[in-house]
């Protein structure tokens, strides 16, 4: 049994990771501020799945609150930590930049400090495929440089990667960053495409399809993501003894125990196909409003996950057809419990 501090336990990925850790017998200390970026009732419903578990302790706090984060580490003394709390939403950042820096940068600093001062054995933290930004050399590899993020959200996550590397070097804190690729599934965020599309189609309203639906994504089912996160937690990184400072590898380091991995599906799916699968699962056709690519969005993402497969045995198993069907079943149960098929 390990004691693991998990931030963002009322969130989509954080709640699923906490549930998995509890199921395998770990103790979980969860931190979440339950902010109102989207429906707080959904966040509370996620927490309700495990908040009464004897091995779960919940702390309602904001990562930007330095004293609260320090208190959480000092009182609970976790062995390992997973940072999944963040201000999400690529487009939201354009109108609310200060929130991103407060949560994603300052808040992450407080987590790093807690780990440093309380002997945490390993910090796993969420990054994003958005850090690849203007890069179009696919599949995206952790060994490529990521110097051209296109959104503040991506820039804040790039900052997390660099801050973690500095702490790995200066204080010997083992850090592993995971670049998530378009996660979807039951209990997902209401501001994400699958949720928005489902809600609109059921209401007979049009859906907004950017880039005319022609962009591709490595859509990754939540259970596959969770399996990868937990396996990564169990593998503490080490310095790369073969690291070459004249030809530096961004994914590893010779300066400290540090590693970056992509985590996503190996198969890319065009957005129009994603919508087609959703239509089949709902038994309804979508009214599509075709729009150009939005500023900050990238045309395609494709994950190279060979390193994570080699190091922890990560292998996504859920197809888009299976995953979307599971989401629809959950959505109907959660939002329309009295409807046929729910």
C-alpha atoms as a PDB file:
ATOM      1  CA  UNK A   1       0.000   0.000   0.000  1.00  0.00           C
ATOM      2  CA  UNK A   2       1.227   3.488  -0.905  1.00  0.00           C
ATOM      3  CA  UNK A   3      -0.073   6.843   0.222  1.00  0.00           C
ATOM      4  CA  UNK A   4      -0.532   8.969  -2.898  1.00  0.00           C
ATOM      5  CA  UNK A   5      -1.458  12.632  -3.036  1.00  0.00           C
ATOM      6  CA  UNK A   6      -3.585  13.305  -6.133  1.00  0.00           C
ATOM      7  CA  UNK A   7      -4.528  16.833  -7.157  1.00  0.00           C
ATOM      8  CA  UNK A   8      -7.691  17.424  -9.161  1.00  0.00           C
ATOM      9  CA  UNK A   9      -9.658  14.491  -7.745  1.00  0.00           C
ATOM     10  CA  UNK A  10     -12.995  16.088  -8.672  1.00  0.00           C
ATOM     11  CA  UNK A  11     -11.811  16.365 -12.271  1.00  0.00           C
ATOM     12  CA  UNK A  12     -12.288  14.002 -15.184  1.00  0.00           C
ATOM     13  CA  UNK A  13      -8.899  12.271 -15.155  1.00  0.00           C
ATOM     14  CA  UNK A  14      -8.112  12.891 -11.482  1.00  0.00           C
ATOM     15  CA  UNK A  15     -11.272  11.209 -10.220  1.00  0.00           C
ATOM     16  CA  UNK A  16     -10.679   8.165 -12.424  1.00  0.00           C
ATOM     17  CA  UNK A  17      -7.063   7.852 -11.265  1.00  0.00           C
ATOM     18  CA  UNK A  18      -8.063   8.165  -7.602  1.00  0.00           C
ATOM     19  CA  UNK A  19     -10.676   5.436  -8.059  1.00  0.00           C
ATOM     20  CA  UNK A  20      -8.124   3.113  -9.673  1.00  0.00           C
ATOM     21  CA  UNK A  21      -5.582   3.649  -6.895  1.00  0.00           C
ATOM     22  CA  UNK A  22      -8.199   2.949  -4.208  1.00  0.00           C
ATOM     23  CA  UNK A  23      -9.317  -0.192  -6.023  1.00  0.00           C
ATOM     24  CA  UNK A  24      -5.791  -1.592  -5.928  1.00  0.00           C
ATOM     25  CA  UNK A  25      -5.400  -0.847  -2.218  1.00  0.00           C
ATOM     26  CA  UNK A  26      -3.540   2.460  -2.064  1.00  0.00           C
ATOM     27  CA  UNK A  27      -4.369   5.341   0.252  1.00  0.00           C
ATOM     28  CA  UNK A  28      -5.316   8.539  -1.584  1.00  0.00           C
ATOM     29  CA  UNK A  29      -5.201  12.107  -0.326  1.00  0.00           C
ATOM     30  CA  UNK A  30      -7.173  14.185  -2.819  1.00  0.00           C
ATOM     31  CA  UNK A  31      -6.993  17.936  -3.359  1.00  0.00           C
ATOM     32  CA  UNK A  32      -9.531  19.900  -5.412  1.00  0.00           C
ATOM     33  CA  UNK A  33     -10.947  23.407  -5.134  1.00  0.00           C
ATOM     34  CA  UNK A  34     -14.268  22.470  -6.797  1.00  0.00           C
ATOM     35  CA  UNK A  35     -14.241  25.676  -8.836  1.00  0.00           C
ATOM     36  CA  UNK A  36     -17.137  26.652 -11.067  1.00  0.00           C
ATOM     37  CA  UNK A  37     -15.354  26.590 -14.438  1.00  0.00           C
ATOM     38  CA  UNK A  38     -18.042  24.023 -15.254  1.00  0.00           C
ATOM     39  CA  UNK A  39     -20.909  22.310 -13.412  1.00  0.00           C
ATOM     40  CA  UNK A  40     -19.869  21.781  -9.790  1.00  0.00           C
ATOM     41  CA  UNK A  41     -22.566  19.117  -9.410  1.00  0.00           C
ATOM     42  CA  UNK A  42     -20.737  16.938 -11.935  1.00  0.00           C
ATOM     43  CA  UNK A  43     -17.547  17.328  -9.913  1.00  0.00           C
ATOM     44  CA  UNK A  44     -19.368  16.372  -6.725  1.00  0.00           C
ATOM     45  CA  UNK A  45     -20.907  13.354  -8.460  1.00  0.00           C
ATOM     46  CA  UNK A  46     -17.447  12.171  -9.517  1.00  0.00           C
ATOM     47  CA  UNK A  47     -16.211  12.504  -5.942  1.00  0.00           C
ATOM     48  CA  UNK A  48     -19.272  10.651  -4.627  1.00  0.00           C
ATOM     49  CA  UNK A  49     -17.958   7.471  -6.284  1.00  0.00           C
ATOM     50  CA  UNK A  50     -15.185   7.172  -3.694  1.00  0.00           C
ATOM     51  CA  UNK A  51     -15.257   9.988  -1.119  1.00  0.00           C
ATOM     52  CA  UNK A  52     -16.590   7.644   1.578  1.00  0.00           C
ATOM     53  CA  UNK A  53     -13.902   5.037   0.931  1.00  0.00           C
ATOM     54  CA  UNK A  54     -11.931   4.392   4.144  1.00  0.00           C
ATOM     55  CA  UNK A  55      -8.626   4.974   2.330  1.00  0.00           C
ATOM     56  CA  UNK A  56      -9.641   8.334   0.844  1.00  0.00           C
ATOM     57  CA  UNK A  57      -9.109  11.743   2.434  1.00  0.00           C
ATOM     58  CA  UNK A  58     -10.378  14.867   0.702  1.00  0.00           C
ATOM     59  CA  UNK A  59      -8.978  18.377   1.032  1.00  0.00           C
ATOM     60  CA  UNK A  60     -10.890  21.267  -0.513  1.00  0.00           C
ATOM     61  CA  UNK A  61      -8.161  23.737  -1.428  1.00  0.00           C
ATOM     62  CA  UNK A  62      -6.722  25.693  -4.324  1.00  0.00           C
ATOM     63  CA  UNK A  63      -3.191  24.839  -5.430  1.00  0.00           C
ATOM     64  CA  UNK A  64      -2.504  28.573  -5.628  1.00  0.00           C
ATOM     65  CA  UNK A  65      -2.949  28.655  -1.817  1.00  0.00           C
ATOM     66  CA  UNK A  66       0.645  28.028  -0.758  1.00  0.00           C
ATOM     67  CA  UNK A  67      -0.142  27.465   2.914  1.00  0.00           C
ATOM     68  CA  UNK A  68      -2.908  24.949   2.166  1.00  0.00           C
ATOM     69  CA  UNK A  69      -0.704  22.875  -0.126  1.00  0.00           C
ATOM     70  CA  UNK A  70       2.168  22.920   2.362  1.00  0.00           C
ATOM     71  CA  UNK A  71      -0.224  21.848   5.120  1.00  0.00           C
ATOM     72  CA  UNK A  72      -1.502  18.932   3.003  1.00  0.00           C
ATOM     73  CA  UNK A  73       2.010  17.578   2.498  1.00  0.00           C
ATOM     74  CA  UNK A  74       3.069  18.168   6.112  1.00  0.00           C
ATOM     75  CA  UNK A  75      -0.011  16.531   7.667  1.00  0.00           C
ATOM     76  CA  UNK A  76      -0.442  13.570   5.319  1.00  0.00           C
ATOM     77  CA  UNK A  77       3.158  12.837   4.274  1.00  0.00           C
ATOM     78  CA  UNK A  78       2.423  11.135   0.932  1.00  0.00           C
ATOM     79  CA  UNK A  79       5.009   8.796  -0.535  1.00  0.00           C
ATOM     80  CA  UNK A  80       4.186   9.741  -4.115  1.00  0.00           C
ATOM     81  CA  UNK A  81       2.176  12.437  -5.860  1.00  0.00           C
ATOM     82  CA  UNK A  82       0.187  12.869  -9.072  1.00  0.00           C
ATOM     83  CA  UNK A  83      -0.575  16.412 -10.225  1.00  0.00           C
ATOM     84  CA  UNK A  84      -3.696  16.414 -12.413  1.00  0.00           C
ATOM     85  CA  UNK A  85      -5.243  19.701 -11.256  1.00  0.00           C
ATOM     86  CA  UNK A  86      -5.110  22.470 -13.828  1.00  0.00           C
ATOM     87  CA  UNK A  87      -7.180  25.202 -15.344  1.00  0.00           C
ATOM     88  CA  UNK A  88      -8.329  23.359 -18.440  1.00  0.00           C
ATOM     89  CA  UNK A  89      -9.660  24.599 -21.750  1.00  0.00           C
ATOM     90  CA  UNK A  90      -7.414  25.822 -24.535  1.00  0.00           C
ATOM     91  CA  UNK A  91      -9.797  28.605 -25.655  1.00  0.00           C
ATOM     92  CA  UNK A  92     -10.690  29.775 -22.138  1.00  0.00           C
ATOM     93  CA  UNK A  93      -7.082  30.895 -21.672  1.00  0.00           C
ATOM     94  CA  UNK A  94      -7.396  33.667 -24.242  1.00  0.00           C
ATOM     95  CA  UNK A  95      -9.926  35.479 -22.036  1.00  0.00           C
ATOM     96  CA  UNK A  96      -8.672  34.430 -18.604  1.00  0.00           C
ATOM     97  CA  UNK A  97      -4.854  34.327 -18.773  1.00  0.00           C
ATOM     98  CA  UNK A  98      -4.222  35.111 -15.105  1.00  0.00           C
ATOM     99  CA  UNK A  99      -6.176  32.050 -13.966  1.00  0.00           C
ATOM    100  CA  UNK A 100      -3.874  29.811 -15.995  1.00  0.00           C
ATOM    101  CA  UNK A 101      -0.715  31.218 -14.484  1.00  0.00           C
ATOM    102  CA  UNK A 102      -2.180  31.093 -10.964  1.00  0.00           C
ATOM    103  CA  UNK A 103      -3.264  27.446 -11.169  1.00  0.00           C
ATOM    104  CA  UNK A 104      -0.999  25.865 -13.756  1.00  0.00           C
ATOM    105  CA  UNK A 105       2.262  27.628 -12.897  1.00  0.00           C
ATOM    106  CA  UNK A 106       2.088  28.980  -9.341  1.00  0.00           C
ATOM    107  CA  UNK A 107       0.000  26.024  -8.179  1.00  0.00           C
ATOM    108  CA  UNK A 108       2.458  23.570  -9.727  1.00  0.00           C
ATOM    109  CA  UNK A 109       5.335  25.349  -7.980  1.00  0.00           C
ATOM    110  CA  UNK A 110       3.585  24.743  -4.652  1.00  0.00           C
ATOM    111  CA  UNK A 111       3.260  21.034  -5.483  1.00  0.00           C
ATOM    112  CA  UNK A 112       6.954  20.849  -6.391  1.00  0.00           C
ATOM    113  CA  UNK A 113       7.874  22.546  -3.112  1.00  0.00           C
ATOM    114  CA  UNK A 114       5.673  20.151  -1.151  1.00  0.00           C
ATOM    115  CA  UNK A 115       7.348  17.181  -2.816  1.00  0.00           C
ATOM    116  CA  UNK A 116      10.812  18.636  -2.268  1.00  0.00           C
ATOM    117  CA  UNK A 117      10.424  19.388   1.430  1.00  0.00           C
ATOM    118  CA  UNK A 118       8.561  16.206   2.391  1.00  0.00           C
ATOM    119  CA  UNK A 119      10.611  13.498   0.731  1.00  0.00           C
ATOM    120  CA  UNK A 120       8.147  12.471  -1.993  1.00  0.00           C
ATOM    121  CA  UNK A 121       9.600   9.533  -3.910  1.00  0.00           C
ATOM    122  CA  UNK A 122       8.101  10.356  -7.312  1.00  0.00           C
ATOM    123  CA  UNK A 123       5.976  13.123  -8.832  1.00  0.00           C
ATOM    124  CA  UNK A 124       3.912  12.321 -11.912  1.00  0.00           C
ATOM    125  CA  UNK A 125       2.398  15.396 -13.540  1.00  0.00           C
ATOM    126  CA  UNK A 126       0.030  16.113 -16.400  1.00  0.00           C
ATOM    127  CA  UNK A 127       1.324  17.844 -19.486  1.00  0.00           C
ATOM    128  CA  UNK A 128      -0.414  17.982 -22.864  1.00  0.00           C
ATOM    129  CA  UNK A 129      -0.014  17.229 -26.548  1.00  0.00           C
ATOM    130  CA  UNK A 130      -0.677  20.952 -27.061  1.00  0.00           C
ATOM    131  CA  UNK A 131       2.993  21.631 -26.245  1.00  0.00           C
ATOM    132  CA  UNK A 132       3.860  20.435 -29.763  1.00  0.00           C
ATOM    133  CA  UNK A 133       2.184  23.607 -31.022  1.00  0.00           C
ATOM    134  CA  UNK A 134       3.377  24.662 -34.464  1.00  0.00           C
ATOM    135  CA  UNK A 135       5.220  21.369 -35.002  1.00  0.00           C
ATOM    136  CA  UNK A 136       3.716  19.291 -37.825  1.00  0.00           C
ATOM    137  CA  UNK A 137       6.267  16.451 -37.854  1.00  0.00           C
ATOM    138  CA  UNK A 138       4.113  13.459 -36.903  1.00  0.00           C
ATOM    139  CA  UNK A 139       3.737  11.237 -35.081  1.00  0.00           C
ATOM    140  CA  UNK A 140       4.702  13.621 -32.307  1.00  0.00           C
ATOM    141  CA  UNK A 141       7.651  12.275 -30.329  1.00  0.00           C
ATOM    142  CA  UNK A 142       8.882  13.223 -26.859  1.00  0.00           C
ATOM    143  CA  UNK A 143      12.347  13.440 -28.408  1.00  0.00           C
ATOM    144  CA  UNK A 144      11.300  16.398 -30.577  1.00  0.00           C
ATOM    145  CA  UNK A 145      11.735  19.937 -29.304  1.00  0.00           C
ATOM    146  CA  UNK A 146       8.600  21.872 -28.283  1.00  0.00           C
ATOM    147  CA  UNK A 147       9.573  25.517 -28.416  1.00  0.00           C
ATOM    148  CA  UNK A 148       6.532  26.883 -30.260  1.00  0.00           C
ATOM    149  CA  UNK A 149       3.318  26.485 -28.201  1.00  0.00           C
ATOM    150  CA  UNK A 150       0.331  28.222 -29.776  1.00  0.00           C
ATOM    151  CA  UNK A 151      -1.774  28.875 -26.661  1.00  0.00           C
ATOM    152  CA  UNK A 152      -1.189  30.075 -23.124  1.00  0.00           C
ATOM    153  CA  UNK A 153      -2.524  26.741 -21.866  1.00  0.00           C
ATOM    154  CA  UNK A 154       0.203  24.913 -23.817  1.00  0.00           C
ATOM    155  CA  UNK A 155       2.814  27.414 -22.636  1.00  0.00           C
ATOM    156  CA  UNK A 156       1.815  26.853 -19.003  1.00  0.00           C
ATOM    157  CA  UNK A 157       2.229  23.098 -19.433  1.00  0.00           C
ATOM    158  CA  UNK A 158       5.575  23.558 -21.158  1.00  0.00           C
ATOM    159  CA  UNK A 159       6.575  25.635 -18.131  1.00  0.00           C
ATOM    160  CA  UNK A 160       5.592  22.714 -15.863  1.00  0.00           C
ATOM    161  CA  UNK A 161       7.927  20.406 -17.770  1.00  0.00           C
ATOM    162  CA  UNK A 162      10.834  22.812 -17.395  1.00  0.00           C
ATOM    163  CA  UNK A 163      10.121  23.539 -13.732  1.00  0.00           C
ATOM    164  CA  UNK A 164      10.020  19.806 -12.976  1.00  0.00           C
ATOM    165  CA  UNK A 165      13.351  19.312 -14.734  1.00  0.00           C
ATOM    166  CA  UNK A 166      14.914  22.057 -12.622  1.00  0.00           C
ATOM    167  CA  UNK A 167      13.668  20.398  -9.408  1.00  0.00           C
ATOM    168  CA  UNK A 168      14.904  16.989 -10.570  1.00  0.00           C
ATOM    169  CA  UNK A 169      18.348  18.521 -11.095  1.00  0.00           C
ATOM    170  CA  UNK A 170      18.559  20.808  -8.081  1.00  0.00           C
ATOM    171  CA  UNK A 171      16.903  18.615  -5.460  1.00  0.00           C
ATOM    172  CA  UNK A 172      16.991  15.097  -6.902  1.00  0.00           C
ATOM    173  CA  UNK A 173      13.171  14.978  -7.058  1.00  0.00           C
ATOM    174  CA  UNK A 174      12.136  12.195  -9.486  1.00  0.00           C
ATOM    175  CA  UNK A 175       9.630  13.708 -11.930  1.00  0.00           C
ATOM    176  CA  UNK A 176       7.691  12.192 -14.825  1.00  0.00           C
ATOM    177  CA  UNK A 177       5.554  14.277 -17.168  1.00  0.00           C
ATOM    178  CA  UNK A 178       2.760  12.744 -19.243  1.00  0.00           C
ATOM    179  CA  UNK A 179       1.597  14.491 -22.410  1.00  0.00           C
ATOM    180  CA  UNK A 180      -2.094  13.590 -22.725  1.00  0.00           C
ATOM    181  CA  UNK A 181      -3.690  13.279 -26.156  1.00  0.00           C
ATOM    182  CA  UNK A 182      -7.444  14.153 -26.362  1.00  0.00           C
ATOM    183  CA  UNK A 183      -8.898  12.116 -23.506  1.00  0.00           C
ATOM    184  CA  UNK A 184     -12.613  11.215 -23.661  1.00  0.00           C
ATOM    185  CA  UNK A 185     -15.094   8.888 -21.991  1.00  0.00           C
ATOM    186  CA  UNK A 186     -17.666   8.666 -19.172  1.00  0.00           C
ATOM    187  CA  UNK A 187     -17.579  11.480 -16.595  1.00  0.00           C
ATOM    188  CA  UNK A 188     -15.831  13.754 -19.122  1.00  0.00           C
ATOM    189  CA  UNK A 189     -15.786  17.532 -19.080  1.00  0.00           C
ATOM    190  CA  UNK A 190     -18.879  19.379 -20.398  1.00  0.00           C
ATOM    191  CA  UNK A 191     -16.703  21.786 -22.410  1.00  0.00           C
ATOM    192  CA  UNK A 192     -15.169  19.000 -24.504  1.00  0.00           C
ATOM    193  CA  UNK A 193     -16.354  18.106 -28.003  1.00  0.00           C
ATOM    194  CA  UNK A 194     -17.961  14.734 -27.277  1.00  0.00           C
ATOM    195  CA  UNK A 195     -20.045  16.146 -24.425  1.00  0.00           C
ATOM    196  CA  UNK A 196     -21.057  19.243 -26.409  1.00  0.00           C
ATOM    197  CA  UNK A 197     -21.923  17.216 -29.503  1.00  0.00           C
ATOM    198  CA  UNK A 198     -24.031  14.702 -27.582  1.00  0.00           C
ATOM    199  CA  UNK A 199     -25.967  17.406 -25.753  1.00  0.00           C
ATOM    200  CA  UNK A 200     -26.687  19.314 -28.977  1.00  0.00           C
ATOM    201  CA  UNK A 201     -27.670  16.281 -31.062  1.00  0.00           C
ATOM    202  CA  UNK A 202     -30.122  15.083 -28.416  1.00  0.00           C
ATOM    203  CA  UNK A 203     -31.615  18.592 -28.263  1.00  0.00           C
ATOM    204  CA  UNK A 204     -31.914  18.792 -32.046  1.00  0.00           C
ATOM    205  CA  UNK A 205     -29.473  21.671 -32.176  1.00  0.00           C
ATOM    206  CA  UNK A 206     -26.570  22.147 -34.616  1.00  0.00           C
ATOM    207  CA  UNK A 207     -23.013  21.320 -33.620  1.00  0.00           C
ATOM    208  CA  UNK A 208     -20.049  23.522 -34.480  1.00  0.00           C
ATOM    209  CA  UNK A 209     -17.491  21.545 -36.477  1.00  0.00           C
ATOM    210  CA  UNK A 210     -14.187  23.372 -36.773  1.00  0.00           C
ATOM    211  CA  UNK A 211     -11.792  22.889 -39.682  1.00  0.00           C
ATOM    212  CA  UNK A 212     -14.805  21.386 -41.485  1.00  0.00           C
ATOM    213  CA  UNK A 213     -14.203  18.214 -39.473  1.00  0.00           C
ATOM    214  CA  UNK A 214     -11.047  17.324 -41.376  1.00  0.00           C
ATOM    215  CA  UNK A 215      -8.542  17.398 -38.545  1.00  0.00           C
ATOM    216  CA  UNK A 216      -7.372  14.201 -36.885  1.00  0.00           C
ATOM    217  CA  UNK A 217      -6.777  13.401 -33.237  1.00  0.00           C
ATOM    218  CA  UNK A 218      -5.343  10.569 -31.156  1.00  0.00           C
ATOM    219  CA  UNK A 219      -8.619  10.190 -29.229  1.00  0.00           C
ATOM    220  CA  UNK A 220      -7.771   8.220 -26.071  1.00  0.00           C
ATOM    221  CA  UNK A 221     -10.289   6.493 -23.807  1.00  0.00           C
ATOM    222  CA  UNK A 222     -10.159   7.367 -20.115  1.00  0.00           C
ATOM    223  CA  UNK A 223      -9.499   3.795 -18.897  1.00  0.00           C
ATOM    224  CA  UNK A 224      -6.447   3.534 -21.148  1.00  0.00           C
ATOM    225  CA  UNK A 225      -5.143   6.849 -19.804  1.00  0.00           C
ATOM    226  CA  UNK A 226      -5.656   5.797 -16.185  1.00  0.00           C
ATOM    227  CA  UNK A 227      -3.809   2.514 -16.720  1.00  0.00           C
ATOM    228  CA  UNK A 228      -0.863   4.436 -18.133  1.00  0.00           C
ATOM    229  CA  UNK A 229      -0.814   6.984 -15.305  1.00  0.00           C
ATOM    230  CA  UNK A 230      -0.803   4.316 -12.586  1.00  0.00           C
ATOM    231  CA  UNK A 231       1.862   2.229 -14.318  1.00  0.00           C
ATOM    232  CA  UNK A 232       4.007   5.336 -14.666  1.00  0.00           C
ATOM    233  CA  UNK A 233       3.590   6.171 -10.976  1.00  0.00           C
ATOM    234  CA  UNK A 234       5.101   2.791 -10.143  1.00  0.00           C
ATOM    235  CA  UNK A 235       8.204   3.417 -12.284  1.00  0.00           C
ATOM    236  CA  UNK A 236      10.508   5.992 -10.714  1.00  0.00           C
ATOM    237  CA  UNK A 237      12.743   7.633 -13.337  1.00  0.00           C
ATOM    238  CA  UNK A 238      16.518   7.823 -13.137  1.00  0.00           C
ATOM    239  CA  UNK A 239      19.168   9.992 -14.733  1.00  0.00           C
ATOM    240  CA  UNK A 240      20.006   9.049 -18.293  1.00  0.00           C
ATOM    241  CA  UNK A 241      23.677   8.096 -18.133  1.00  0.00           C
ATOM    242  CA  UNK A 242      23.960   8.249 -21.921  1.00  0.00           C
ATOM    243  CA  UNK A 243      22.503  11.778 -22.179  1.00  0.00           C
ATOM    244  CA  UNK A 244      24.532  13.963 -24.523  1.00  0.00           C
ATOM    245  CA  UNK A 245      24.678  17.661 -23.681  1.00  0.00           C
ATOM    246  CA  UNK A 246      25.858  18.442 -27.228  1.00  0.00           C
ATOM    247  CA  UNK A 247      22.760  16.781 -28.677  1.00  0.00           C
ATOM    248  CA  UNK A 248      20.262  17.070 -25.799  1.00  0.00           C
ATOM    249  CA  UNK A 249      17.292  14.705 -25.718  1.00  0.00           C
ATOM    250  CA  UNK A 250      14.222  16.635 -24.443  1.00  0.00           C
ATOM    251  CA  UNK A 251      12.539  13.470 -23.122  1.00  0.00           C
ATOM    252  CA  UNK A 252      15.260  12.484 -20.647  1.00  0.00           C
ATOM    253  CA  UNK A 253      18.016  14.134 -18.647  1.00  0.00           C
ATOM    254  CA  UNK A 254      21.536  13.598 -17.448  1.00  0.00           C
ATOM    255  CA  UNK A 255      21.045  16.288 -14.821  1.00  0.00           C
ATOM    256  CA  UNK A 256      18.405  14.574 -12.698  1.00  0.00           C
ATOM    257  CA  UNK A 257      15.810  11.801 -12.427  1.00  0.00           C
ATOM    258  CA  UNK A 258      13.420  13.071 -15.091  1.00  0.00           C
ATOM    259  CA  UNK A 259      11.299  11.672 -17.922  1.00  0.00           C
ATOM    260  CA  UNK A 260       8.662  12.839 -20.395  1.00  0.00           C
ATOM    261  CA  UNK A 261       6.220  10.504 -22.156  1.00  0.00           C
ATOM    262  CA  UNK A 262       3.420  10.785 -24.649  1.00  0.00           C
ATOM    263  CA  UNK A 263       0.287   8.967 -23.517  1.00  0.00           C
ATOM    264  CA  UNK A 264      -2.407   8.452 -26.107  1.00  0.00           C
ATOM    265  CA  UNK A 265      -3.914   6.205 -28.722  1.00  0.00           C
ATOM    266  CA  UNK A 266      -1.696   5.044 -31.565  1.00  0.00           C
ATOM    267  CA  UNK A 267      -4.632   5.376 -33.995  1.00  0.00           C
ATOM    268  CA  UNK A 268      -5.714   8.788 -35.262  1.00  0.00           C
ATOM    269  CA  UNK A 269      -9.376   9.386 -36.093  1.00  0.00           C
ATOM    270  CA  UNK A 270     -10.763  12.179 -38.234  1.00  0.00           C
ATOM    271  CA  UNK A 271     -13.289  14.368 -36.452  1.00  0.00           C
ATOM    272  CA  UNK A 272     -15.984  13.582 -39.034  1.00  0.00           C
ATOM    273  CA  UNK A 273     -15.562   9.860 -38.271  1.00  0.00           C
ATOM    274  CA  UNK A 274     -15.781  10.615 -34.545  1.00  0.00           C
ATOM    275  CA  UNK A 275     -19.081  12.401 -35.166  1.00  0.00           C
ATOM    276  CA  UNK A 276     -20.316   9.548 -37.370  1.00  0.00           C
ATOM    277  CA  UNK A 277     -19.691   7.043 -34.554  1.00  0.00           C
ATOM    278  CA  UNK A 278     -21.551   9.306 -32.132  1.00  0.00           C
ATOM    279  CA  UNK A 279     -24.510   9.541 -34.531  1.00  0.00           C
ATOM    280  CA  UNK A 280     -24.651   5.745 -34.739  1.00  0.00           C
ATOM    281  CA  UNK A 281     -24.596   5.385 -30.943  1.00  0.00           C
ATOM    282  CA  UNK A 282     -27.334   8.003 -30.479  1.00  0.00           C
ATOM    283  CA  UNK A 283     -29.413   6.837 -33.425  1.00  0.00           C
ATOM    284  CA  UNK A 284     -29.667  10.437 -34.634  1.00  0.00           C
ATOM    285  CA  UNK A 285     -28.029  12.563 -37.295  1.00  0.00           C
ATOM    286  CA  UNK A 286     -26.120  15.700 -36.394  1.00  0.00           C
ATOM    287  CA  UNK A 287     -26.814  19.087 -37.917  1.00  0.00           C
ATOM    288  CA  UNK A 288     -23.306  20.333 -38.638  1.00  0.00           C
ATOM    289  CA  UNK A 289     -22.253  23.963 -38.824  1.00  0.00           C
ATOM    290  CA  UNK A 290     -18.933  23.836 -40.681  1.00  0.00           C
ATOM    291  CA  UNK A 291     -16.382  26.400 -39.506  1.00  0.00           C
ATOM    292  CA  UNK A 292     -12.687  27.164 -40.119  1.00  0.00           C
ATOM    293  CA  UNK A 293      -9.918  26.078 -37.760  1.00  0.00           C
ATOM    294  CA  UNK A 294      -9.908  28.167 -34.597  1.00  0.00           C
ATOM    295  CA  UNK A 295      -6.863  30.245 -33.573  1.00  0.00           C
ATOM    296  CA  UNK A 296      -4.571  28.134 -31.397  1.00  0.00           C
ATOM    297  CA  UNK A 297      -5.954  24.811 -32.627  1.00  0.00           C
ATOM    298  CA  UNK A 298      -3.643  22.487 -34.540  1.00  0.00           C
ATOM    299  CA  UNK A 299      -4.869  20.587 -37.614  1.00  0.00           C
ATOM    300  CA  UNK A 300      -3.765  17.133 -36.441  1.00  0.00           C
ATOM    301  CA  UNK A 301      -2.252  15.266 -33.505  1.00  0.00           C
ATOM    302  CA  UNK A 302      -0.735  11.813 -33.588  1.00  0.00           C
ATOM    303  CA  UNK A 303       0.974  10.228 -30.603  1.00  0.00           C
ATOM    304  CA  UNK A 304       4.149   8.175 -30.724  1.00  0.00           C
ATOM    305  CA  UNK A 305       3.946   6.112 -27.516  1.00  0.00           C
ATOM    306  CA  UNK A 306       6.707   3.581 -28.097  1.00  0.00           C
ATOM    307  CA  UNK A 307       8.701   4.758 -25.069  1.00  0.00           C
ATOM    308  CA  UNK A 308       5.813   4.378 -22.635  1.00  0.00           C
ATOM    309  CA  UNK A 309       4.994   0.979 -24.104  1.00  0.00           C
ATOM    310  CA  UNK A 310       8.576  -0.155 -23.682  1.00  0.00           C
ATOM    311  CA  UNK A 311       9.070   1.212 -20.158  1.00  0.00           C
ATOM    312  CA  UNK A 312       5.733   0.409 -18.468  1.00  0.00           C
ATOM    313  CA  UNK A 313       3.895  -1.862 -20.923  1.00  0.00           C
ATOM    314  CA  UNK A 314       1.382   0.815 -21.899  1.00  0.00           C
ATOM    315  CA  UNK A 315      -0.972  -0.325 -24.660  1.00  0.00           C
ATOM    316  CA  UNK A 316      -4.298   1.433 -25.353  1.00  0.00           C
ATOM    317  CA  UNK A 317      -7.036  -1.138 -25.951  1.00  0.00           C
ATOM    318  CA  UNK A 318     -10.327   0.721 -26.368  1.00  0.00           C
ATOM    319  CA  UNK A 319     -11.382   1.684 -29.895  1.00  0.00           C
ATOM    320  CA  UNK A 320     -13.264   4.893 -30.631  1.00  0.00           C
ATOM    321  CA  UNK A 321     -16.350   2.804 -31.475  1.00  0.00           C
ATOM    322  CA  UNK A 322     -16.261   1.125 -28.046  1.00  0.00           C
ATOM    323  CA  UNK A 323     -15.316   4.262 -26.153  1.00  0.00           C
ATOM    324  CA  UNK A 324     -17.970   6.540 -27.644  1.00  0.00           C
ATOM    325  CA  UNK A 325     -20.622   3.884 -27.007  1.00  0.00           C
ATOM    326  CA  UNK A 326     -19.561   3.733 -23.336  1.00  0.00           C
ATOM    327  CA  UNK A 327     -19.720   7.521 -23.097  1.00  0.00           C
ATOM    328  CA  UNK A 328     -23.223   7.622 -24.563  1.00  0.00           C
ATOM    329  CA  UNK A 329     -24.434   4.959 -22.132  1.00  0.00           C
ATOM    330  CA  UNK A 330     -23.043   6.961 -19.231  1.00  0.00           C
ATOM    331  CA  UNK A 331     -24.428  10.263 -20.545  1.00  0.00           C
ATOM    332  CA  UNK A 332     -27.949   8.881 -20.812  1.00  0.00           C
ATOM    333  CA  UNK A 333     -27.788   7.383 -17.323  1.00  0.00           C
ATOM    334  CA  UNK A 334     -26.443  10.583 -15.826  1.00  0.00           C
ATOM    335  CA  UNK A 335     -28.514  13.198 -17.678  1.00  0.00           C
ATOM    336  CA  UNK A 336     -31.648  11.361 -18.755  1.00  0.00           C
ATOM    337  CA  UNK A 337     -32.200   8.548 -16.241  1.00  0.00           C
ATOM    338  CA  UNK A 338     -35.851   8.162 -17.127  1.00  0.00           C
ATOM    339  CA  UNK A 339     -35.365   8.014 -20.887  1.00  0.00           C
ATOM    340  CA  UNK A 340     -35.427   4.807 -22.959  1.00  0.00           C
ATOM    341  CA  UNK A 341     -31.950   3.304 -23.299  1.00  0.00           C
ATOM    342  CA  UNK A 342     -30.649   5.071 -20.209  1.00  0.00           C
END
